[in-house]
PDB file of N, CA and C in Angstrom:
ATOM      1  N   MET A   1       0.932  -0.949  -0.171  1.00  0.00           N
ATOM      2  CA  MET A   1       0.221   0.127   0.108  1.00  0.00           C
ATOM      3  C   MET A   1       1.294   1.257  -0.074  1.00  0.00           C
ATOM      4  N   GLU A   2       0.471   2.315  -1.099  1.00  0.00           N
ATOM      5  CA  GLU A   2       1.287   3.400  -0.682  1.00  0.00           C
ATOM      6  C   GLU A   2       0.952   4.148   0.330  1.00  0.00           C
ATOM      7  N   THR A   3       2.070   5.107   0.674  1.00  0.00           N
ATOM      8  CA  THR A   3       2.245   5.645   1.882  1.00  0.00           C
ATOM      9  C   THR A   3       0.953   6.581   2.080  1.00  0.00           C
ATOM     10  N   LEU A   4       0.710   7.297   1.001  1.00  0.00           N
ATOM     11  CA  LEU A   4      -0.449   8.190   0.757  1.00  0.00           C
ATOM     12  C   LEU A   4      -2.123   7.436   1.077  1.00  0.00           C
ATOM     13  N   ASP A   5      -1.862   6.298   0.366  1.00  0.00           N
ATOM     14  CA  ASP A   5      -3.191   5.897   1.214  1.00  0.00           C
ATOM     15  C   ASP A   5      -3.309   5.002   1.981  1.00  0.00           C
ATOM     16  N   LYS A   6      -2.189   4.784   3.012  1.00  0.00           N
ATOM     17  CA  LYS A   6      -2.087   4.204   4.362  1.00  0.00           C
ATOM     18  C   LYS A   6      -2.416   5.826   5.065  1.00  0.00           C
ATOM     19  N   ILE A   7      -2.085   6.655   4.737  1.00  0.00           N
ATOM     20  CA  ILE A   7      -2.305   7.792   5.715  1.00  0.00           C
ATOM     21  C   ILE A   7      -3.849   8.035   5.715  1.00  0.00           C
ATOM     22  N   LYS A   8      -4.457   8.249   4.482  1.00  0.00           N
ATOM     23  CA  LYS A   8      -5.971   8.639   4.026  1.00  0.00           C
ATOM     24  C   LYS A   8      -6.509   7.532   4.724  1.00  0.00           C
ATOM     25  N   LYS A   9      -6.225   5.975   4.621  1.00  0.00           N
ATOM     26  CA  LYS A   9      -6.825   5.120   5.396  1.00  0.00           C
ATOM     27  C   LYS A   9      -7.292   5.226   6.711  1.00  0.00           C
ATOM     28  N   GLN A  10      -5.697   5.508   7.502  1.00  0.00           N
ATOM     29  CA  GLN A  10      -6.188   5.897   8.713  1.00  0.00           C
ATOM     30  C   GLN A  10      -6.776   6.799   9.426  1.00  0.00           C
ATOM     31  N   ILE A  11      -6.737   7.695   8.365  1.00  0.00           N
ATOM     32  CA  ILE A  11      -7.585   9.046   9.020  1.00  0.00           C
ATOM     33  C   ILE A  11      -9.136   8.535   8.973  1.00  0.00           C
ATOM     34  N   ALA A  12      -9.455   8.102   7.484  1.00  0.00           N
ATOM     35  CA  ALA A  12     -10.776   7.525   7.326  1.00  0.00           C
ATOM     36  C   ALA A  12     -11.629   6.849   8.805  1.00  0.00           C
ATOM     37  N   GLU A  13     -10.176   5.515   9.104  1.00  0.00           N
ATOM     38  CA  GLU A  13     -10.899   4.508   9.823  1.00  0.00           C
ATOM     39  C   GLU A  13     -10.776   5.253  10.916  1.00  0.00           C
ATOM     40  N   ASN A  14     -10.323   6.382  11.838  1.00  0.00           N
ATOM     41  CA  ASN A  14     -10.097   6.888  13.359  1.00  0.00           C
ATOM     42  C   ASN A  14     -10.652   8.408  13.203  1.00  0.00           C
ATOM     43  N   PRO A  15     -12.268   8.798  13.569  1.00  0.00           N
ATOM     44  CA  PRO A  15     -12.628   9.768  13.768  1.00  0.00           C
ATOM     45  C   PRO A  15     -11.931  10.132  14.598  1.00  0.00           C
ATOM     46  N   ILE A  16     -11.015  10.321  15.722  1.00  0.00           N
ATOM     47  CA  ILE A  16     -10.231  11.103  16.207  1.00  0.00           C
ATOM     48  C   ILE A  16      -9.030  10.422  16.325  1.00  0.00           C
ATOM     49  N   LEU A  17      -7.849  11.038  15.201  1.00  0.00           N
ATOM     50  CA  LEU A  17      -6.273  10.507  15.309  1.00  0.00           C
ATOM     51  C   LEU A  17      -5.377  11.481  15.557  1.00  0.00           C
ATOM     52  N   ILE A  18      -4.425  10.950  15.995  1.00  0.00           N
ATOM     53  CA  ILE A  18      -3.339  11.754  16.615  1.00  0.00           C
ATOM     54  C   ILE A  18      -1.731  11.515  16.398  1.00  0.00           C
ATOM     55  N   TYR A  19      -1.144  11.565  15.337  1.00  0.00           N
ATOM     56  CA  TYR A  19      -0.043  11.497  14.619  1.00  0.00           C
ATOM     57  C   TYR A  19       1.198  12.115  15.620  1.00  0.00           C
ATOM     58  N   MET A  20       1.891  11.349  16.738  1.00  0.00           N
ATOM     59  CA  MET A  20       2.749  11.646  17.570  1.00  0.00           C
ATOM     60  C   MET A  20       3.993  10.985  17.528  1.00  0.00           C
ATOM     61  N   LYS A  21       4.730  11.566  18.252  1.00  0.00           N
ATOM     62  CA  LYS A  21       6.083  10.960  18.742  1.00  0.00           C
ATOM     63  C   LYS A  21       6.026   9.699  19.848  1.00  0.00           C
ATOM     64  N   GLY A  22       6.137   8.495  19.483  1.00  0.00           N
ATOM     65  CA  GLY A  22       6.100   7.777  20.807  1.00  0.00           C
ATOM     66  C   GLY A  22       4.542   7.588  20.844  1.00  0.00           C
ATOM     67  N   SER A  23       4.246   6.991  22.228  1.00  0.00           N
ATOM     68  CA  SER A  23       2.713   6.656  22.485  1.00  0.00           C
ATOM     69  C   SER A  23       2.216   7.221  23.229  1.00  0.00           C
ATOM     70  N   PRO A  24       0.659   7.433  23.786  1.00  0.00           N
ATOM     71  CA  PRO A  24       0.198   8.099  24.388  1.00  0.00           C
ATOM     72  C   PRO A  24       0.624   7.550  25.944  1.00  0.00           C
ATOM     73  N   LYS A  25       1.046   6.339  26.216  1.00  0.00           N
ATOM     74  CA  LYS A  25       1.384   6.148  27.587  1.00  0.00           C
ATOM     75  C   LYS A  25       3.324   6.514  27.593  1.00  0.00           C
ATOM     76  N   LEU A  26       4.024   6.568  26.786  1.00  0.00           N
ATOM     77  CA  LEU A  26       4.993   6.621  26.366  1.00  0.00           C
ATOM     78  C   LEU A  26       5.844   7.795  25.293  1.00  0.00           C
ATOM     79  N   PRO A  27       4.933   9.035  25.757  1.00  0.00           N
ATOM     80  CA  PRO A  27       5.165  10.009  24.193  1.00  0.00           C
ATOM     81  C   PRO A  27       6.834  10.363  24.282  1.00  0.00           C
ATOM     82  N   ALA A  28       7.335  10.488  23.076  1.00  0.00           N
ATOM     83  CA  ALA A  28       8.527  10.811  23.068  1.00  0.00           C
ATOM     84  C   ALA A  28       9.014  12.086  22.545  1.00  0.00           C
ATOM     85  N   CYS A  29       8.364  13.211  23.068  1.00  0.00           N
ATOM     86  CA  CYS A  29       8.563  14.676  22.724  1.00  0.00           C
ATOM     87  C   CYS A  29       7.524  15.064  23.892  1.00  0.00           C
ATOM     88  N   GLY A  30       8.039  16.193  24.206  1.00  0.00           N
ATOM     89  CA  GLY A  30       6.999  17.266  25.245  1.00  0.00           C
ATOM     90  C   GLY A  30       5.724  17.877  24.571  1.00  0.00           C
ATOM     91  N   PHE A  31       6.277  17.990  22.899  1.00  0.00           N
ATOM     92  CA  PHE A  31       4.826  18.508  22.161  1.00  0.00           C
ATOM     93  C   PHE A  31       3.816  17.373  22.150  1.00  0.00           C
ATOM     94  N   SER A  32       4.101  16.308  21.973  1.00  0.00           N
ATOM     95  CA  SER A  32       3.634  15.245  21.722  1.00  0.00           C
ATOM     96  C   SER A  32       2.815  14.987  23.029  1.00  0.00           C
ATOM     97  N   ALA A  33       3.927  15.310  24.068  1.00  0.00           N
ATOM     98  CA  ALA A  33       3.101  14.811  25.778  1.00  0.00           C
ATOM     99  C   ALA A  33       2.074  15.425  25.963  1.00  0.00           C
ATOM    100  N   CYS A  34       2.077  16.857  25.489  1.00  0.00           N
ATOM    101  CA  CYS A  34       0.832  17.864  26.114  1.00  0.00           C
ATOM    102  C   CYS A  34      -0.159  17.663  25.134  1.00  0.00           C
ATOM    103  N   ALA A  35      -0.302  17.099  24.107  1.00  0.00           N
ATOM    104  CA  ALA A  35      -1.153  17.355  23.299  1.00  0.00           C
ATOM    105  C   ALA A  35      -1.916  16.251  23.115  1.00  0.00           C
ATOM    106  N   VAL A  36      -1.539  14.893  23.627  1.00  0.00           N
ATOM    107  CA  VAL A  36      -1.879  13.860  23.994  1.00  0.00           C
ATOM    108  C   VAL A  36      -2.349  13.621  25.520  1.00  0.00           C
ATOM    109  N   GLU A  37      -2.022  14.579  26.276  1.00  0.00           N
ATOM    110  CA  GLU A  37      -2.564  14.573  27.817  1.00  0.00           C
ATOM    111  C   GLU A  37      -3.635  15.441  27.590  1.00  0.00           C
ATOM    112  N   ALA A  38      -3.933  16.238  26.904  1.00  0.00           N
ATOM    113  CA  ALA A  38      -5.020  16.907  26.218  1.00  0.00           C
ATOM    114  C   ALA A  38      -6.088  16.141  25.962  1.00  0.00           C
ATOM    115  N   LEU A  39      -6.038  15.306  25.332  1.00  0.00           N
ATOM    116  CA  LEU A  39      -6.756  14.402  24.641  1.00  0.00           C
ATOM    117  C   LEU A  39      -7.270  13.285  25.405  1.00  0.00           C
ATOM    118  N   MET A  40      -6.283  12.737  26.287  1.00  0.00           N
ATOM    119  CA  MET A  40      -6.449  11.973  27.169  1.00  0.00           C
ATOM    120  C   MET A  40      -7.609  12.533  28.293  1.00  0.00           C
ATOM    121  N   ASN A  41      -7.536  13.875  28.407  1.00  0.00           N
ATOM    122  CA  ASN A  41      -8.555  14.493  29.857  1.00  0.00           C
ATOM    123  C   ASN A  41      -9.698  14.555  29.015  1.00  0.00           C
ATOM    124  N   CYS A  42      -9.793  14.596  27.441  1.00  0.00           N
ATOM    125  CA  CYS A  42     -11.553  14.504  27.223  1.00  0.00           C
ATOM    126  C   CYS A  42     -11.888  13.198  27.145  1.00  0.00           C
ATOM    127  N   GLN A  43     -11.435  12.194  27.838  1.00  0.00           N
ATOM    128  CA  GLN A  43     -12.212  10.825  27.918  1.00  0.00           C
ATOM    129  C   GLN A  43     -13.122  10.356  26.983  1.00  0.00           C
ATOM    130  N   VAL A  44     -12.025  10.577  25.675  1.00  0.00           N
ATOM    131  CA  VAL A  44     -12.867   9.608  24.484  1.00  0.00           C
ATOM    132  C   VAL A  44     -11.892   8.736  23.666  1.00  0.00           C
ATOM    133  N   PRO A  45     -12.423   8.012  23.168  1.00  0.00           N
ATOM    134  CA  PRO A  45     -11.552   6.975  22.506  1.00  0.00           C
ATOM    135  C   PRO A  45     -10.523   7.572  21.244  1.00  0.00           C
ATOM    136  N   PHE A  46      -9.547   7.289  21.072  1.00  0.00           N
ATOM    137  CA  PHE A  46      -8.798   8.205  19.925  1.00  0.00           C
ATOM    138  C   PHE A  46      -7.469   7.020  19.403  1.00  0.00           C
ATOM    139  N   GLY A  47      -7.419   7.158  18.196  1.00  0.00           N
ATOM    140  CA  GLY A  47      -6.438   6.460  17.513  1.00  0.00           C
ATOM    141  C   GLY A  47      -5.536   7.654  17.499  1.00  0.00           C
ATOM    142  N   TYR A  48      -3.957   6.796  17.419  1.00  0.00           N
ATOM    143  CA  TYR A  48      -2.498   7.210  17.267  1.00  0.00           C
ATOM    144  C   TYR A  48      -1.653   6.382  16.146  1.00  0.00           C
ATOM    145  N   VAL A  49      -1.018   7.168  15.987  1.00  0.00           N
ATOM    146  CA  VAL A  49      -0.191   6.732  15.052  1.00  0.00           C
ATOM    147  C   VAL A  49       1.754   7.128  15.949  1.00  0.00           C
ATOM    148  N   ASP A  50       2.278   6.018  15.941  1.00  0.00           N
ATOM    149  CA  ASP A  50       3.966   6.751  16.670  1.00  0.00           C
ATOM    150  C   ASP A  50       4.777   6.717  15.160  1.00  0.00           C
ATOM    151  N   ILE A  51       4.754   8.223  14.818  1.00  0.00           N
ATOM    152  CA  ILE A  51       5.881   8.390  13.508  1.00  0.00           C
ATOM    153  C   ILE A  51       7.205   8.167  13.897  1.00  0.00           C
ATOM    154  N   LEU A  52       7.413   7.489  14.860  1.00  0.00           N
ATOM    155  CA  LEU A  52       9.186   7.461  15.239  1.00  0.00           C
ATOM    156  C   LEU A  52       9.149   6.190  14.261  1.00  0.00           C
ATOM    157  N   GLN A  53       7.893   5.117  14.509  1.00  0.00           N
ATOM    158  CA  GLN A  53       7.980   3.590  14.096  1.00  0.00           C
ATOM    159  C   GLN A  53       7.674   3.374  12.731  1.00  0.00           C
ATOM    160  N   HIS A  54       6.979   4.710  12.281  1.00  0.00           N
ATOM    161  CA  HIS A  54       6.763   4.516  10.275  1.00  0.00           C
ATOM    162  C   HIS A  54       7.405   5.528   9.819  1.00  0.00           C
ATOM    163  N   ALA A  55       8.942   6.012   9.370  1.00  0.00           N
ATOM    164  CA  ALA A  55       9.637   6.896   8.775  1.00  0.00           C
ATOM    165  C   ALA A  55       8.631   7.145   7.408  1.00  0.00           C
ATOM    166  N   ASP A  56       7.897   6.315   6.683  1.00  0.00           N
ATOM    167  CA  ASP A  56       7.183   6.690   5.321  1.00  0.00           C
ATOM    168  C   ASP A  56       6.504   7.687   5.825  1.00  0.00           C
ATOM    169  N   ILE A  57       5.456   7.682   6.981  1.00  0.00           N
ATOM    170  CA  ILE A  57       4.120   8.329   7.136  1.00  0.00           C
ATOM    171  C   ILE A  57       4.883   9.680   7.720  1.00  0.00           C
ATOM    172  N   ARG A  58       6.195   9.423   8.420  1.00  0.00           N
ATOM    173  CA  ARG A  58       6.630  11.073   8.768  1.00  0.00           C
ATOM    174  C   ARG A  58       7.371  11.836   8.025  1.00  0.00           C
ATOM    175  N   ALA A  59       7.313  11.126   6.477  1.00  0.00           N
ATOM    176  CA  ALA A  59       8.089  12.309   5.759  1.00  0.00           C
ATOM    177  C   ALA A  59       7.195  12.255   5.262  1.00  0.00           C
ATOM    178  N   GLU A  60       5.940  11.751   4.840  1.00  0.00           N
ATOM    179  CA  GLU A  60       4.709  12.155   3.489  1.00  0.00           C
ATOM    180  C   GLU A  60       3.827  12.755   4.603  1.00  0.00           C
ATOM    181  N   LEU A  61       3.239  12.574   5.807  1.00  0.00           N
ATOM    182  CA  LEU A  61       2.553  13.371   6.308  1.00  0.00           C
ATOM    183  C   LEU A  61       2.421  14.912   6.416  1.00  0.00           C
ATOM    184  N   PRO A  62       3.684  15.570   6.590  1.00  0.00           N
ATOM    185  CA  PRO A  62       3.435  16.834   6.277  1.00  0.00           C
ATOM    186  C   PRO A  62       3.300  17.234   5.381  1.00  0.00           C
ATOM    187  N   LYS A  63       3.559  17.246   4.005  1.00  0.00           N
ATOM    188  CA  LYS A  63       3.404  16.977   2.750  1.00  0.00           C
ATOM    189  C   LYS A  63       1.776  17.201   2.665  1.00  0.00           C
ATOM    190  N   PHE A  64       1.577  16.181   3.053  1.00  0.00           N
ATOM    191  CA  PHE A  64      -0.387  15.961   2.475  1.00  0.00           C
ATOM    192  C   PHE A  64      -0.784  16.620   3.559  1.00  0.00           C
ATOM    193  N   ALA A  65      -0.465  16.708   4.509  1.00  0.00           N
ATOM    194  CA  ALA A  65      -1.526  18.020   5.854  1.00  0.00           C
ATOM    195  C   ALA A  65      -1.140  19.392   5.483  1.00  0.00           C
ATOM    196  N   ASN A  66      -0.077  19.745   4.731  1.00  0.00           N
ATOM    197  CA  ASN A  66       0.534  21.132   4.466  1.00  0.00           C
ATOM    198  C   ASN A  66       0.813  21.416   6.141  1.00  0.00           C
ATOM    199  N   TRP A  67       1.148  20.702   7.173  1.00  0.00           N
ATOM    200  CA  TRP A  67       1.440  20.988   8.317  1.00  0.00           C
ATOM    201  C   TRP A  67       2.933  20.492   8.641  1.00  0.00           C
ATOM    202  N   PRO A  68       3.921  21.482   8.900  1.00  0.00           N
ATOM    203  CA  PRO A  68       5.105  20.966   8.678  1.00  0.00           C
ATOM    204  C   PRO A  68       5.755  19.809  10.250  1.00  0.00           C
ATOM    205  N   THR A  69       5.115  20.007  10.992  1.00  0.00           N
ATOM    206  CA  THR A  69       5.533  19.704  12.656  1.00  0.00           C
ATOM    207  C   THR A  69       4.040  18.569  13.365  1.00  0.00           C
ATOM    208  N   PHE A  70       4.981  17.636  13.992  1.00  0.00           N
ATOM    209  CA  PHE A  70       4.048  16.836  15.006  1.00  0.00           C
ATOM    210  C   PHE A  70       4.236  17.496  16.117  1.00  0.00           C
ATOM    211  N   PRO A  71       3.185  16.999  17.382  1.00  0.00           N
ATOM    212  CA  PRO A  71       1.845  16.152  16.719  1.00  0.00           C
ATOM    213  C   PRO A  71       0.881  16.809  15.871  1.00  0.00           C
ATOM    214  N   GLN A  72       0.325  16.005  15.435  1.00  0.00           N
ATOM    215  CA  GLN A  72      -1.322  16.211  14.386  1.00  0.00           C
ATOM    216  C   GLN A  72      -2.316  15.567  14.592  1.00  0.00           C
ATOM    217  N   LEU A  73      -3.355  16.641  15.310  1.00  0.00           N
ATOM    218  CA  LEU A  73      -4.971  16.204  15.340  1.00  0.00           C
ATOM    219  C   LEU A  73      -5.556  15.849  14.237  1.00  0.00           C
ATOM    220  N   TRP A  74      -6.104  14.794  14.018  1.00  0.00           N
ATOM    221  CA  TRP A  74      -7.117  14.956  12.920  1.00  0.00           C
ATOM    222  C   TRP A  74      -8.469  14.624  13.175  1.00  0.00           C
ATOM    223  N   VAL A  75      -9.377  15.177  13.002  1.00  0.00           N
ATOM    224  CA  VAL A  75     -10.496  14.738  13.792  1.00  0.00           C
ATOM    225  C   VAL A  75     -11.734  14.673  12.820  1.00  0.00           C
ATOM    226  N   GLU A  76     -12.457  13.646  12.355  1.00  0.00           N
ATOM    227  CA  GLU A  76     -13.032  13.447  11.173  1.00  0.00           C
ATOM    228  C   GLU A  76     -12.453  13.464  10.011  1.00  0.00           C
ATOM    229  N   GLY A  77     -11.640  13.085   9.584  1.00  0.00           N
ATOM    230  CA  GLY A  77     -10.669  13.499   8.357  1.00  0.00           C
ATOM    231  C   GLY A  77     -10.261  15.090   7.849  1.00  0.00           C
ATOM    232  N   GLU A  78     -10.352  15.561   9.505  1.00  0.00           N
ATOM    233  CA  GLU A  78      -9.918  17.003   9.096  1.00  0.00           C
ATOM    234  C   GLU A  78      -9.020  17.266  10.199  1.00  0.00           C
ATOM    235  N   LEU A  79      -7.637  17.968   9.500  1.00  0.00           N
ATOM    236  CA  LEU A  79      -6.207  18.424  10.335  1.00  0.00           C
ATOM    237  C   LEU A  79      -7.077  19.536  11.632  1.00  0.00           C
ATOM    238  N   ILE A  80      -6.873  19.428  12.567  1.00  0.00           N
ATOM    239  CA  ILE A  80      -7.069  20.290  13.511  1.00  0.00           C
ATOM    240  C   ILE A  80      -5.642  21.281  13.598  1.00  0.00           C
ATOM    241  N   GLY A  81      -4.581  20.313  14.119  1.00  0.00           N
ATOM    242  CA  GLY A  81      -3.562  21.451  14.326  1.00  0.00           C
ATOM    243  C   GLY A  81      -2.584  20.598  14.959  1.00  0.00           C
ATOM    244  N   GLY A  82      -1.829  21.210  15.671  1.00  0.00           N
ATOM    245  CA  GLY A  82      -0.636  21.080  16.773  1.00  0.00           C
ATOM    246  C   GLY A  82      -1.142  21.101  17.872  1.00  0.00           C
ATOM    247  N   CYS A  83       0.623  20.681  18.941  1.00  0.00           N
ATOM    248  CA  CYS A  83       0.258  21.141  19.954  1.00  0.00           C
ATOM    249  C   CYS A  83      -0.672  22.704  20.660  1.00  0.00           C
ATOM    250  N   ASP A  84       0.184  23.501  20.337  1.00  0.00           N
ATOM    251  CA  ASP A  84      -0.239  24.725  20.567  1.00  0.00           C
ATOM    252  C   ASP A  84      -2.055  24.815  20.607  1.00  0.00           C
ATOM    253  N   ILE A  85      -2.581  24.488  19.008  1.00  0.00           N
ATOM    254  CA  ILE A  85      -3.941  24.685  18.836  1.00  0.00           C
ATOM    255  C   ILE A  85      -4.293  23.762  19.407  1.00  0.00           C
ATOM    256  N   VAL A  86      -4.503  22.272  19.651  1.00  0.00           N
ATOM    257  CA  VAL A  86      -4.599  21.625  20.816  1.00  0.00           C
ATOM    258  C   VAL A  86      -4.992  22.126  22.581  1.00  0.00           C
ATOM    259  N   LEU A  87      -3.604  22.635  22.265  1.00  0.00           N
ATOM    260  CA  LEU A  87      -3.698  23.204  24.272  1.00  0.00           C
ATOM    261  C   LEU A  87      -4.702  24.528  24.275  1.00  0.00           C
ATOM    262  N   GLU A  88      -4.997  25.133  23.085  1.00  0.00           N
ATOM    263  CA  GLU A  88      -5.570  26.500  23.413  1.00  0.00           C
ATOM    264  C   GLU A  88      -7.260  25.712  23.259  1.00  0.00           C
ATOM    265  N   MET A  89      -7.262  24.878  22.065  1.00  0.00           N
ATOM    266  CA  MET A  89      -8.852  24.631  22.559  1.00  0.00           C
ATOM    267  C   MET A  89      -9.251  24.050  23.777  1.00  0.00           C
ATOM    268  N   TYR A  90      -8.448  23.277  24.151  1.00  0.00           N
ATOM    269  CA  TYR A  90      -8.722  22.294  25.568  1.00  0.00           C
ATOM    270  C   TYR A  90      -9.180  23.233  26.775  1.00  0.00           C
ATOM    271  N   GLN A  91      -7.894  24.466  26.608  1.00  0.00           N
ATOM    272  CA  GLN A  91      -7.922  25.551  27.494  1.00  0.00           C
ATOM    273  C   GLN A  91      -9.443  26.224  27.645  1.00  0.00           C
ATOM    274  N   ALA A  92      -9.706  26.654  26.269  1.00  0.00           N
ATOM    275  CA  ALA A  92     -11.255  27.154  25.963  1.00  0.00           C
ATOM    276  C   ALA A  92     -12.286  26.362  26.031  1.00  0.00           C
ATOM    277  N   GLY A  93     -11.996  25.400  26.553  1.00  0.00           N
ATOM    278  CA  GLY A  93     -13.244  24.094  26.497  1.00  0.00           C
ATOM    279  C   GLY A  93     -13.767  23.582  25.237  1.00  0.00           C
ATOM    280  N   GLU A  94     -13.258  23.856  24.127  1.00  0.00           N
ATOM    281  CA  GLU A  94     -13.605  23.733  22.432  1.00  0.00           C
ATOM    282  C   GLU A  94     -13.349  22.329  22.151  1.00  0.00           C
ATOM    283  N   LEU A  95     -12.041  21.775  22.680  1.00  0.00           N
ATOM    284  CA  LEU A  95     -11.675  20.405  22.173  1.00  0.00           C
ATOM    285  C   LEU A  95     -12.905  18.897  23.007  1.00  0.00           C
ATOM    286  N   GLN A  96     -12.511  19.476  24.529  1.00  0.00           N
ATOM    287  CA  GLN A  96     -13.525  18.574  25.055  1.00  0.00           C
ATOM    288  C   GLN A  96     -15.283  18.511  24.173  1.00  0.00           C
ATOM    289  N   THR A  97     -15.965  19.926  24.261  1.00  0.00           N
ATOM    290  CA  THR A  97     -16.939  20.081  22.999  1.00  0.00           C
ATOM    291  C   THR A  97     -17.018  19.216  21.877  1.00  0.00           C
ATOM    292  N   LEU A  98     -15.979  19.237  20.956  1.00  0.00           N
ATOM    293  CA  LEU A  98     -15.830  18.657  19.932  1.00  0.00           C
ATOM    294  C   LEU A  98     -15.553  17.273  19.870  1.00  0.00           C
ATOM    295  N   LEU A  99     -14.262  16.834  20.866  1.00  0.00           N
ATOM    296  CA  LEU A  99     -14.313  15.436  21.104  1.00  0.00           C
ATOM    297  C   LEU A  99     -15.670  14.575  21.443  1.00  0.00           C
ATOM    298  N   LYS A 100     -15.998  14.854  22.296  1.00  0.00           N
ATOM    299  CA  LYS A 100     -17.555  14.365  23.066  1.00  0.00           C
ATOM    300  C   LYS A 100     -18.363  13.954  21.913  1.00  0.00           C
ATOM    301  N   GLU A 101     -18.849  15.573  21.243  1.00  0.00           N
ATOM    302  CA  GLU A 101     -19.609  15.248  19.918  1.00  0.00           C
ATOM    303  C   GLU A 101     -19.075  14.184  18.762  1.00  0.00           C
ATOM    304  N   VAL A 102     -17.841  14.153  18.278  1.00  0.00           N
ATOM    305  CA  VAL A 102     -17.736  13.078  17.284  1.00  0.00           C
ATOM    306  C   VAL A 102     -17.700  11.555  17.785  1.00  0.00           C
ATOM    307  N   ALA A 103     -17.285  11.665  19.329  1.00  0.00           N
ATOM    308  CA  ALA A 103     -17.229  10.049  19.940  1.00  0.00           C
ATOM    309  C   ALA A 103     -18.731   9.795  19.801  1.00  0.00           C
ATOM    310  N   GLU A 104     -19.293  10.623  20.267  1.00  0.00           N
ATOM    311  CA  GLU A 104     -20.807  10.313  20.114  1.00  0.00           C
ATOM    312  C   GLU A 104     -21.425  10.052  18.920  1.00  0.00           C
ATOM    313  N   ARG A 105     -20.889  10.624  17.721  1.00  0.00           N
ATOM    314  CA  ARG A 105     -21.810  10.022  16.517  1.00  0.00           C
ATOM    315  C   ARG A 105     -20.997   8.906  16.364  1.00  0.00           C
ATOM    316  N   HIS A 106     -20.044   8.649  16.689  1.00  0.00           N
ATOM    317  CA  HIS A 106     -19.107   7.140  15.876  1.00  0.00           C
ATOM    318  C   HIS A 106     -18.874   6.083  16.924  1.00  0.00           C
ATOM    319  N   THR A 107     -20.155   5.807  18.051  1.00  0.00           N
ATOM    320  CA  THR A 107     -20.472   5.336  18.889  1.00  0.00           C
ATOM    321  C   THR A 107     -22.126   4.698  18.645  1.00  0.00           C
ATOM    322  N   ALA A 108     -22.097   3.405  18.437  1.00  0.00           N
ATOM    323  CA  ALA A 108     -23.311   3.321  17.836  1.00  0.00           C
ATOM    324  C   ALA A 108     -23.651   1.403  18.805  1.00  0.00           C
TER     325      ALA A 108
END
């Protein structure tokens, strides 16, 4: 499978997906740690991809997303942003609302 197809499939299959360095339990950079902590505090299920384990995705995703850095939070196929945006949304209460609505829509 082409890397771009793999990325599109991951985004399509996970209503809430974070591309990060490391894993939610063991983040490998401060920005990923902050972003994933905000996600976990929202208490909704989400997927993740450790870009350190997938060099192809790490190389291709910034071009596809037109976003140069990691982490990247994707919600229902749309790029929300990186660490700063995730934290701003979390502190404003917007992230919790958005993710709860998305989780409810995708839980049957």
